[in-house]
């Protein structure tokens, strides 16, 4: 399978000579081609999840179907640092910025073929009509986002249990999706979890604003094929003391990658 071969590499980049699909050329606005594909992929796999037959392999495979749908409409994707996923055979906490819906759908295809993974998600995501069954089948860490103290307890207790069982966890410490990265809104919950569980942290920087945030429905914003999608995984970090240094290292990694991509994509 293509997604397995990609996961075994250290870097992946969309073939610059890859042609857009014929339908993408017919539909002048990318979202009219892209969103029907996404809805179909999610609907098909949601039915599998509801029937209890949505496996880890299915999750990774359907995730890369989203990658192919993005590339079909002309969006270029670059993933670097994937060797960091293989440097530790045990579970880790992935800590990244949160820009759009894209990363929630694409990260499983990158990580799951290498190591079992789930997410810290808000409760409302489990009740959505199509994506809800898929996410429930992934046994995530669920927070309410109304009581920070209760959410901290849930993440530390439930997250530590899942990590002890060998499952890595992706956490987005920002309170909401945002194109702008504001370190003051980037909490240290992921660092606290890694410290309690005794596992490494892997920083994840991403730029996914090609899939915009919608004005009325957040998941369905503008799709901009002129914007390149980036994912970068940093070196695994062992958390010591209270984790303040490691927290700043994660922030520094994300901030530097965003600056690098901003400069590079304008060339």
Foldseek 3Di string as FASTA:
>chain_A
DVLLVVLVDQKDKDDPPDDAAPVLVVDVFLLVQQVVQLVVLLQVLLVCLVVVNCDLVNLLVSLVSNVVSLVNNQAMEMEHRSVQLVPDLFAAEEEEAAAACSCVSNVSNNRSSRFAEAEEEEPVQLPDPRRNSVNVSSVHQYDNLPDVVVSLVSCQVVVLVVRVVRYYYYYYQASDHHQDDDLVRRDCSRVVNCQSNQHWYKAKAWHDCCQPQCPVHGNHHGHHRLDHIYIYIHHTGGADDSRPVVSVVSVVVRVVVVVVSVVVSVD
